[in-house]
Amino acid sequence: VDSVKGRFTISRDTAKNTAYLQMNWLNVED
């Protein structure tokens, strides 16, 4: 979604069946 582009990154490790949400520059609205 546009509001998190450039700040949030989604990745996954299929071998571990795990997805990640890396969140940078967090603000109170998050």
PDB file of all heavy atoms in Angstrom:
ATOM      1  N   VAL A   1       0.858  -1.168   0.000  1.00  0.00           N
ATOM      2  CA  VAL A   1       0.000   0.000   0.000  1.00  0.00           C
ATOM      3  C   VAL A   1       0.907   1.235   0.000  1.00  0.00           C
ATOM      4  O   VAL A   1       2.030   1.203   0.522  1.00  0.00           O
ATOM      5  CB  VAL A   1      -0.934  -0.032   1.233  1.00  0.00           C
ATOM      6  CG1 VAL A   1      -0.148   0.130   2.513  1.00  0.00           C
ATOM      7  CG2 VAL A   1      -2.025   1.002   1.108  1.00  0.00           C
ATOM      8  N   ASP A   2       0.441   2.319  -0.609  1.00  0.00           N
ATOM      9  CA  ASP A   2       1.296   3.499  -0.798  1.00  0.00           C
ATOM     10  C   ASP A   2       1.840   4.060   0.520  1.00  0.00           C
ATOM     11  O   ASP A   2       2.960   4.569   0.566  1.00  0.00           O
ATOM     12  CB  ASP A   2       0.523   4.590  -1.541  1.00  0.00           C
ATOM     13  CG  ASP A   2       0.347   4.273  -3.013  1.00  0.00           C
ATOM     14  OD1 ASP A   2       1.044   3.368  -3.519  1.00  0.00           O
ATOM     15  OD2 ASP A   2      -0.494   4.929  -3.664  1.00  0.00           O
ATOM     16  N   SER A   3       1.070   3.952   1.581  1.00  0.00           N
ATOM     17  CA  SER A   3       1.464   4.595   2.836  1.00  0.00           C
ATOM     18  C   SER A   3       2.702   3.973   3.481  1.00  0.00           C
ATOM     19  O   SER A   3       3.306   4.586   4.366  1.00  0.00           O
ATOM     20  CB  SER A   3       0.299   4.575   3.828  1.00  0.00           C
ATOM     21  OG  SER A   3      -0.079   3.243   4.113  1.00  0.00           O
ATOM     22  N   VAL A   4       3.079   2.773   3.058  1.00  0.00           N
ATOM     23  CA  VAL A   4       4.244   2.129   3.673  1.00  0.00           C
ATOM     24  C   VAL A   4       5.375   1.883   2.690  1.00  0.00           C
ATOM     25  O   VAL A   4       6.447   1.398   3.076  1.00  0.00           O
ATOM     26  CB  VAL A   4       3.866   0.792   4.353  1.00  0.00           C
ATOM     27  CG1 VAL A   4       2.744   1.006   5.360  1.00  0.00           C
ATOM     28  CG2 VAL A   4       3.479  -0.255   3.311  1.00  0.00           C
ATOM     29  N   LYS A   5       5.164   2.229   1.431  1.00  0.00           N
ATOM     30  CA  LYS A   5       6.208   2.020   0.427  1.00  0.00           C
ATOM     31  C   LYS A   5       7.471   2.787   0.816  1.00  0.00           C
ATOM     32  O   LYS A   5       7.411   3.945   1.191  1.00  0.00           O
ATOM     33  CB  LYS A   5       5.728   2.483  -0.950  1.00  0.00           C
ATOM     34  CG  LYS A   5       4.839   1.500  -1.663  1.00  0.00           C
ATOM     35  CD  LYS A   5       4.446   2.014  -3.036  1.00  0.00           C
ATOM     36  CE  LYS A   5       3.540   1.038  -3.750  1.00  0.00           C
ATOM     37  NZ  LYS A   5       3.092   1.555  -5.065  1.00  0.00           N
ATOM     38  N   GLY A   6       8.591   2.101   0.714  1.00  0.00           N
ATOM     39  CA  GLY A   6       9.860   2.719   1.068  1.00  0.00           C
ATOM     40  C   GLY A   6      10.221   2.573   2.526  1.00  0.00           C
ATOM     41  O   GLY A   6      11.382   2.779   2.909  1.00  0.00           O
ATOM     42  N   ARG A   7       9.257   2.252   3.386  1.00  0.00           N
ATOM     43  CA  ARG A   7       9.523   2.060   4.818  1.00  0.00           C
ATOM     44  C   ARG A   7       9.403   0.596   5.239  1.00  0.00           C
ATOM     45  O   ARG A   7      10.153   0.131   6.078  1.00  0.00           O
ATOM     46  CB  ARG A   7       8.574   2.887   5.670  1.00  0.00           C
ATOM     47  CG  ARG A   7       8.708   4.373   5.544  1.00  0.00           C
ATOM     48  CD  ARG A   7       7.982   5.086   6.669  1.00  0.00           C
ATOM     49  NE  ARG A   7       6.572   4.756   6.708  1.00  0.00           N
ATOM     50  CZ  ARG A   7       5.943   4.307   7.795  1.00  0.00           C
ATOM     51  NH1 ARG A   7       6.607   4.132   8.928  1.00  0.00           N
ATOM     52  NH2 ARG A   7       4.661   4.038   7.763  1.00  0.00           N
ATOM     53  N   PHE A   8       8.455  -0.115   4.649  1.00  0.00           N
ATOM     54  CA  PHE A   8       8.196  -1.503   5.025  1.00  0.00           C
ATOM     55  C   PHE A   8       8.657  -2.434   3.907  1.00  0.00           C
ATOM     56  O   PHE A   8       8.508  -2.119   2.727  1.00  0.00           O
ATOM     57  CB  PHE A   8       6.712  -1.741   5.277  1.00  0.00           C
ATOM     58  CG  PHE A   8       6.162  -1.096   6.515  1.00  0.00           C
ATOM     59  CD1 PHE A   8       6.890  -0.163   7.255  1.00  0.00           C
ATOM     60  CD2 PHE A   8       4.883  -1.416   6.964  1.00  0.00           C
ATOM     61  CE1 PHE A   8       6.388   0.433   8.396  1.00  0.00           C
ATOM     62  CE2 PHE A   8       4.353  -0.828   8.106  1.00  0.00           C
ATOM     63  CZ  PHE A   8       5.108   0.096   8.816  1.00  0.00           C
ATOM     64  N   THR A   9       9.189  -3.580   4.294  1.00  0.00           N
ATOM     65  CA  THR A   9       9.630  -4.586   3.334  1.00  0.00           C
ATOM     66  C   THR A   9       9.148  -5.961   3.780  1.00  0.00           C
ATOM     67  O   THR A   9       9.360  -6.359   4.932  1.00  0.00           O
ATOM     68  CB  THR A   9      11.153  -4.612   3.212  1.00  0.00           C
ATOM     69  OG1 THR A   9      11.627  -3.322   2.805  1.00  0.00           O
ATOM     70  CG2 THR A   9      11.592  -5.645   2.181  1.00  0.00           C
ATOM     71  N   ILE A  10       8.514  -6.657   2.854  1.00  0.00           N
ATOM     72  CA  ILE A  10       8.061  -8.018   3.125  1.00  0.00           C
ATOM     73  C   ILE A  10       9.013  -8.990   2.437  1.00  0.00           C
ATOM     74  O   ILE A  10       9.384  -8.792   1.279  1.00  0.00           O
ATOM     75  CB  ILE A  10       6.626  -8.244   2.621  1.00  0.00           C
ATOM     76  CG1 ILE A  10       5.655  -7.295   3.335  1.00  0.00           C
ATOM     77  CG2 ILE A  10       6.198  -9.697   2.856  1.00  0.00           C
ATOM     78  CD1 ILE A  10       4.232  -7.358   2.788  1.00  0.00           C
ATOM     79  N   SER A  11       9.388 -10.024   3.139  1.00  0.00           N
ATOM     80  CA  SER A  11      10.230 -11.073   2.573  1.00  0.00           C
ATOM     81  C   SER A  11       9.743 -12.415   3.088  1.00  0.00           C
ATOM     82  O   SER A  11       8.845 -12.467   3.943  1.00  0.00           O
ATOM     83  CB  SER A  11      11.701 -10.861   2.957  1.00  0.00           C
ATOM     84  OG  SER A  11      11.859 -10.895   4.368  1.00  0.00           O
ATOM     85  N   ARG A  12      10.282 -13.487   2.553  1.00  0.00           N
ATOM     86  CA  ARG A  12       9.891 -14.804   3.043  1.00  0.00           C
ATOM     87  C   ARG A  12      11.041 -15.773   2.902  1.00  0.00           C
ATOM     88  O   ARG A  12      11.916 -15.624   2.067  1.00  0.00           O
ATOM     89  CB  ARG A  12       8.629 -15.338   2.315  1.00  0.00           C
ATOM     90  CG  ARG A  12       8.885 -16.140   1.033  1.00  0.00           C
ATOM     91  CD  ARG A  12       9.061 -15.225  -0.143  1.00  0.00           C
ATOM     92  NE  ARG A  12       9.173 -15.968  -1.379  1.00  0.00           N
ATOM     93  CZ  ARG A  12      10.303 -16.200  -2.020  1.00  0.00           C
ATOM     94  NH1 ARG A  12      11.447 -15.720  -1.551  1.00  0.00           N
ATOM     95  NH2 ARG A  12      10.317 -16.900  -3.129  1.00  0.00           N
ATOM     96  N   ASP A  13      11.020 -16.776   3.760  1.00  0.00           N
ATOM     97  CA  ASP A  13      11.966 -17.885   3.712  1.00  0.00           C
ATOM     98  C   ASP A  13      11.117 -19.141   3.622  1.00  0.00           C
ATOM     99  O   ASP A  13      10.584 -19.619   4.631  1.00  0.00           O
ATOM    100  CB  ASP A  13      12.838 -17.888   4.962  1.00  0.00           C
ATOM    101  CG  ASP A  13      13.908 -18.970   4.942  1.00  0.00           C
ATOM    102  OD1 ASP A  13      13.725 -19.971   4.229  1.00  0.00           O
ATOM    103  OD2 ASP A  13      14.928 -18.803   5.644  1.00  0.00           O
ATOM    104  N   THR A  14      10.958 -19.646   2.421  1.00  0.00           N
ATOM    105  CA  THR A  14      10.058 -20.783   2.230  1.00  0.00           C
ATOM    106  C   THR A  14      10.564 -22.042   2.921  1.00  0.00           C
ATOM    107  O   THR A  14       9.762 -22.886   3.310  1.00  0.00           O
ATOM    108  CB  THR A  14       9.833 -21.051   0.739  1.00  0.00           C
ATOM    109  OG1 THR A  14      11.102 -21.247   0.103  1.00  0.00           O
ATOM    110  CG2 THR A  14       9.117 -19.882   0.077  1.00  0.00           C
ATOM    111  N   ALA A  15      11.872 -22.156   3.079  1.00  0.00           N
ATOM    112  CA  ALA A  15      12.414 -23.337   3.767  1.00  0.00           C
ATOM    113  C   ALA A  15      11.986 -23.357   5.233  1.00  0.00           C
ATOM    114  O   ALA A  15      11.862 -24.421   5.843  1.00  0.00           O
ATOM    115  CB  ALA A  15      13.931 -23.341   3.660  1.00  0.00           C
ATOM    116  N   LYS A  16      11.766 -22.177   5.795  1.00  0.00           N
ATOM    117  CA  LYS A  16      11.326 -22.064   7.183  1.00  0.00           C
ATOM    118  C   LYS A  16       9.830 -21.802   7.285  1.00  0.00           C
ATOM    119  O   LYS A  16       9.316 -21.607   8.396  1.00  0.00           O
ATOM    120  CB  LYS A  16      12.089 -20.939   7.882  1.00  0.00           C
ATOM    121  CG  LYS A  16      13.586 -21.172   7.999  1.00  0.00           C
ATOM    122  CD  LYS A  16      14.261 -20.020   8.727  1.00  0.00           C
ATOM    123  CE  LYS A  16      15.760 -20.272   8.884  1.00  0.00           C
ATOM    124  NZ  LYS A  16      16.435 -19.139   9.585  1.00  0.00           N
ATOM    125  N   ASN A  17       9.156 -21.732   6.126  1.00  0.00           N
ATOM    126  CA  ASN A  17       7.714 -21.419   6.111  1.00  0.00           C
ATOM    127  C   ASN A  17       7.422 -20.138   6.891  1.00  0.00           C
ATOM    128  O   ASN A  17       6.429 -20.061   7.630  1.00  0.00           O
ATOM    129  CB  ASN A  17       6.894 -22.577   6.681  1.00  0.00           C
ATOM    130  CG  ASN A  17       6.800 -23.738   5.719  1.00  0.00           C
ATOM    131  OD1 ASN A  17       6.703 -23.543   4.510  1.00  0.00           O
ATOM    132  ND2 ASN A  17       6.839 -24.944   6.242  1.00  0.00           N
ATOM    133  N   THR A  18       8.278 -19.147   6.708  1.00  0.00           N
ATOM    134  CA  THR A  18       8.169 -17.920   7.489  1.00  0.00           C
ATOM    135  C   THR A  18       8.213 -16.700   6.580  1.00  0.00           C
ATOM    136  O   THR A  18       9.037 -16.625   5.664  1.00  0.00           O
ATOM    137  CB  THR A  18       9.294 -17.835   8.530  1.00  0.00           C
ATOM    138  OG1 THR A  18       9.203 -18.962   9.414  1.00  0.00           O
ATOM    139  CG2 THR A  18       9.190 -16.556   9.348  1.00  0.00           C
ATOM    140  N   ALA A  19       7.320 -15.775   6.842  1.00  0.00           N
ATOM    141  CA  ALA A  19       7.312 -14.474   6.185  1.00  0.00           C
ATOM    142  C   ALA A  19       7.718 -13.416   7.198  1.00  0.00           C
ATOM    143  O   ALA A  19       7.516 -13.585   8.406  1.00  0.00           O
ATOM    144  CB  ALA A  19       5.932 -14.168   5.626  1.00  0.00           C
ATOM    145  N   TYR A  20       8.293 -12.343   6.677  1.00  0.00           N
ATOM    146  CA  TYR A  20       8.775 -11.274   7.547  1.00  0.00           C
ATOM    147  C   TYR A  20       8.219  -9.934   7.094  1.00  0.00           C
ATOM    148  O   TYR A  20       7.993  -9.706   5.900  1.00  0.00           O
ATOM    149  CB  TYR A  20      10.307 -11.224   7.521  1.00  0.00           C
ATOM    150  CG  TYR A  20      10.972 -12.513   7.916  1.00  0.00           C
ATOM    151  CD1 TYR A  20      11.348 -13.449   6.956  1.00  0.00           C
ATOM    152  CD2 TYR A  20      11.201 -12.815   9.258  1.00  0.00           C
ATOM    153  CE1 TYR A  20      11.952 -14.646   7.312  1.00  0.00           C
ATOM    154  CE2 TYR A  20      11.799 -14.001   9.623  1.00  0.00           C
ATOM    155  CZ  TYR A  20      12.172 -14.915   8.647  1.00  0.00           C
ATOM    156  OH  TYR A  20      12.758 -16.095   9.015  1.00  0.00           O
ATOM    157  N   LEU A  21       8.033  -9.056   8.050  1.00  0.00           N
ATOM    158  CA  LEU A  21       7.654  -7.678   7.771  1.00  0.00           C
ATOM    159  C   LEU A  21       8.660  -6.789   8.484  1.00  0.00           C
ATOM    160  O   LEU A  21       8.624  -6.660   9.703  1.00  0.00           O
ATOM    161  CB  LEU A  21       6.234  -7.376   8.261  1.00  0.00           C
ATOM    162  CG  LEU A  21       5.776  -5.926   8.092  1.00  0.00           C
ATOM    163  CD1 LEU A  21       5.705  -5.548   6.619  1.00  0.00           C
ATOM    164  CD2 LEU A  21       4.419  -5.701   8.773  1.00  0.00           C
ATOM    165  N   GLN A  22       9.575  -6.218   7.698  1.00  0.00           N
ATOM    166  CA  GLN A  22      10.551  -5.297   8.260  1.00  0.00           C
ATOM    167  C   GLN A  22       9.993  -3.890   8.166  1.00  0.00           C
ATOM    168  O   GLN A  22       9.623  -3.433   7.081  1.00  0.00           O
ATOM    169  CB  GLN A  22      11.882  -5.379   7.517  1.00  0.00           C
ATOM    170  CG  GLN A  22      12.934  -4.439   8.067  1.00  0.00           C
ATOM    171  CD  GLN A  22      14.257  -4.512   7.338  1.00  0.00           C
ATOM    172  OE1 GLN A  22      14.476  -5.431   6.541  1.00  0.00           O
ATOM    173  NE2 GLN A  22      15.134  -3.586   7.598  1.00  0.00           N
ATOM    174  N   MET A  23       9.946  -3.217   9.296  1.00  0.00           N
ATOM    175  CA  MET A  23       9.357  -1.887   9.360  1.00  0.00           C
ATOM    176  C   MET A  23      10.422  -0.886   9.823  1.00  0.00           C
ATOM    177  O   MET A  23      10.987  -1.038  10.913  1.00  0.00           O
ATOM    178  CB  MET A  23       8.174  -1.882  10.341  1.00  0.00           C
ATOM    179  CG  MET A  23       7.107  -2.903   9.980  1.00  0.00           C
ATOM    180  SD  MET A  23       5.700  -2.906  11.108  1.00  0.00           S
ATOM    181  CE  MET A  23       6.465  -3.573  12.581  1.00  0.00           C
ATOM    182  N   ASN A  24      10.689   0.092   8.981  1.00  0.00           N
ATOM    183  CA  ASN A  24      11.682   1.123   9.287  1.00  0.00           C
ATOM    184  C   ASN A  24      10.994   2.472   9.468  1.00  0.00           C
ATOM    185  O   ASN A  24       9.883   2.695   9.001  1.00  0.00           O
ATOM    186  CB  ASN A  24      12.721   1.210   8.175  1.00  0.00           C
ATOM    187  CG  ASN A  24      13.501  -0.073   7.987  1.00  0.00           C
ATOM    188  OD1 ASN A  24      13.822  -0.767   8.946  1.00  0.00           O
ATOM    189  ND2 ASN A  24      13.794  -0.411   6.741  1.00  0.00           N
ATOM    190  N   TRP A  25      11.689   3.384  10.137  1.00  0.00           N
ATOM    191  CA  TRP A  25      11.175   4.736  10.328  1.00  0.00           C
ATOM    192  C   TRP A  25       9.745   4.717  10.863  1.00  0.00           C
ATOM    193  O   TRP A  25       8.864   5.411  10.357  1.00  0.00           O
ATOM    194  CB  TRP A  25      11.254   5.522   9.027  1.00  0.00           C
ATOM    195  CG  TRP A  25      12.659   5.716   8.566  1.00  0.00           C
ATOM    196  CD1 TRP A  25      13.297   5.059   7.566  1.00  0.00           C
ATOM    197  CD2 TRP A  25      13.635   6.607   9.134  1.00  0.00           C
ATOM    198  NE1 TRP A  25      14.602   5.488   7.455  1.00  0.00           N
ATOM    199  CE2 TRP A  25      14.833   6.437   8.410  1.00  0.00           C
ATOM    200  CE3 TRP A  25      13.601   7.533  10.188  1.00  0.00           C
ATOM    201  CZ2 TRP A  25      15.994   7.165   8.709  1.00  0.00           C
ATOM    202  CZ3 TRP A  25      14.752   8.252  10.469  1.00  0.00           C
ATOM    203  CH2 TRP A  25      15.925   8.064   9.734  1.00  0.00           C
ATOM    204  N   LEU A  26       9.533   3.948  11.882  1.00  0.00           N
ATOM    205  CA  LEU A  26       8.203   3.830  12.466  1.00  0.00           C
ATOM    206  C   LEU A  26       7.760   5.141  13.086  1.00  0.00           C
ATOM    207  O   LEU A  26       8.576   5.900  13.640  1.00  0.00           O
ATOM    208  CB  LEU A  26       8.182   2.720  13.512  1.00  0.00           C
ATOM    209  CG  LEU A  26       8.203   1.296  12.923  1.00  0.00           C
ATOM    210  CD1 LEU A  26       8.611   0.291  13.989  1.00  0.00           C
ATOM    211  CD2 LEU A  26       6.847   0.950  12.347  1.00  0.00           C
ATOM    212  N   ASN A  27       6.468   5.421  13.001  1.00  0.00           N
ATOM    213  CA  ASN A  27       5.896   6.589  13.650  1.00  0.00           C
ATOM    214  C   ASN A  27       4.667   6.172  14.434  1.00  0.00           C
ATOM    215  O   ASN A  27       4.200   5.034  14.329  1.00  0.00           O
ATOM    216  CB  ASN A  27       5.574   7.671  12.618  1.00  0.00           C
ATOM    217  CG  ASN A  27       4.672   7.171  11.512  1.00  0.00           C
ATOM    218  OD1 ASN A  27       3.538   6.797  11.779  1.00  0.00           O
ATOM    219  ND2 ASN A  27       5.171   7.164  10.286  1.00  0.00           N
ATOM    220  N   VAL A  28       4.138   7.090  15.213  1.00  0.00           N
ATOM    221  CA  VAL A  28       3.042   6.748  16.129  1.00  0.00           C
ATOM    222  C   VAL A  28       1.820   6.253  15.370  1.00  0.00           C
ATOM    223  O   VAL A  28       1.025   5.457  15.900  1.00  0.00           O
ATOM    224  CB  VAL A  28       2.681   7.935  17.036  1.00  0.00           C
ATOM    225  CG1 VAL A  28       3.831   8.249  17.981  1.00  0.00           C
ATOM    226  CG2 VAL A  28       2.293   9.146  16.221  1.00  0.00           C
ATOM    227  N   GLU A  29       1.658   6.685  14.116  1.00  0.00           N
ATOM    228  CA  GLU A  29       0.513   6.230  13.322  1.00  0.00           C
ATOM    229  C   GLU A  29       0.623   4.763  12.919  1.00  0.00           C
ATOM    230  O   GLU A  29      -0.346   4.175  12.441  1.00  0.00           O
ATOM    231  CB  GLU A  29       0.364   7.084  12.064  1.00  0.00           C
ATOM    232  CG  GLU A  29      -0.123   8.511  12.301  1.00  0.00           C
ATOM    233  CD  GLU A  29       0.946   9.410  12.865  1.00  0.00           C
ATOM    234  OE1 GLU A  29       2.147   9.158  12.593  1.00  0.00           O
ATOM    235  OE2 GLU A  29       0.609  10.371  13.575  1.00  0.00           O
ATOM    236  N   ASP A  30       1.797   4.175  13.096  1.00  0.00           N
ATOM    237  CA  ASP A  30       1.975   2.761  12.804  1.00  0.00           C
ATOM    238  C   ASP A  30       1.553   1.862  13.968  1.00  0.00           C
ATOM    239  O   ASP A  30       1.577   0.629  13.838  1.00  0.00           O
ATOM    240  CB  ASP A  30       3.442   2.474  12.448  1.00  0.00           C
ATOM    241  CG  ASP A  30       3.889   3.163  11.174  1.00  0.00           C
ATOM    242  OD1 ASP A  30       3.127   3.133  10.186  1.00  0.00           O
ATOM    243  OD2 ASP A  30       4.999   3.736  11.170  1.00  0.00           O
TER     244      ASP A  30
END
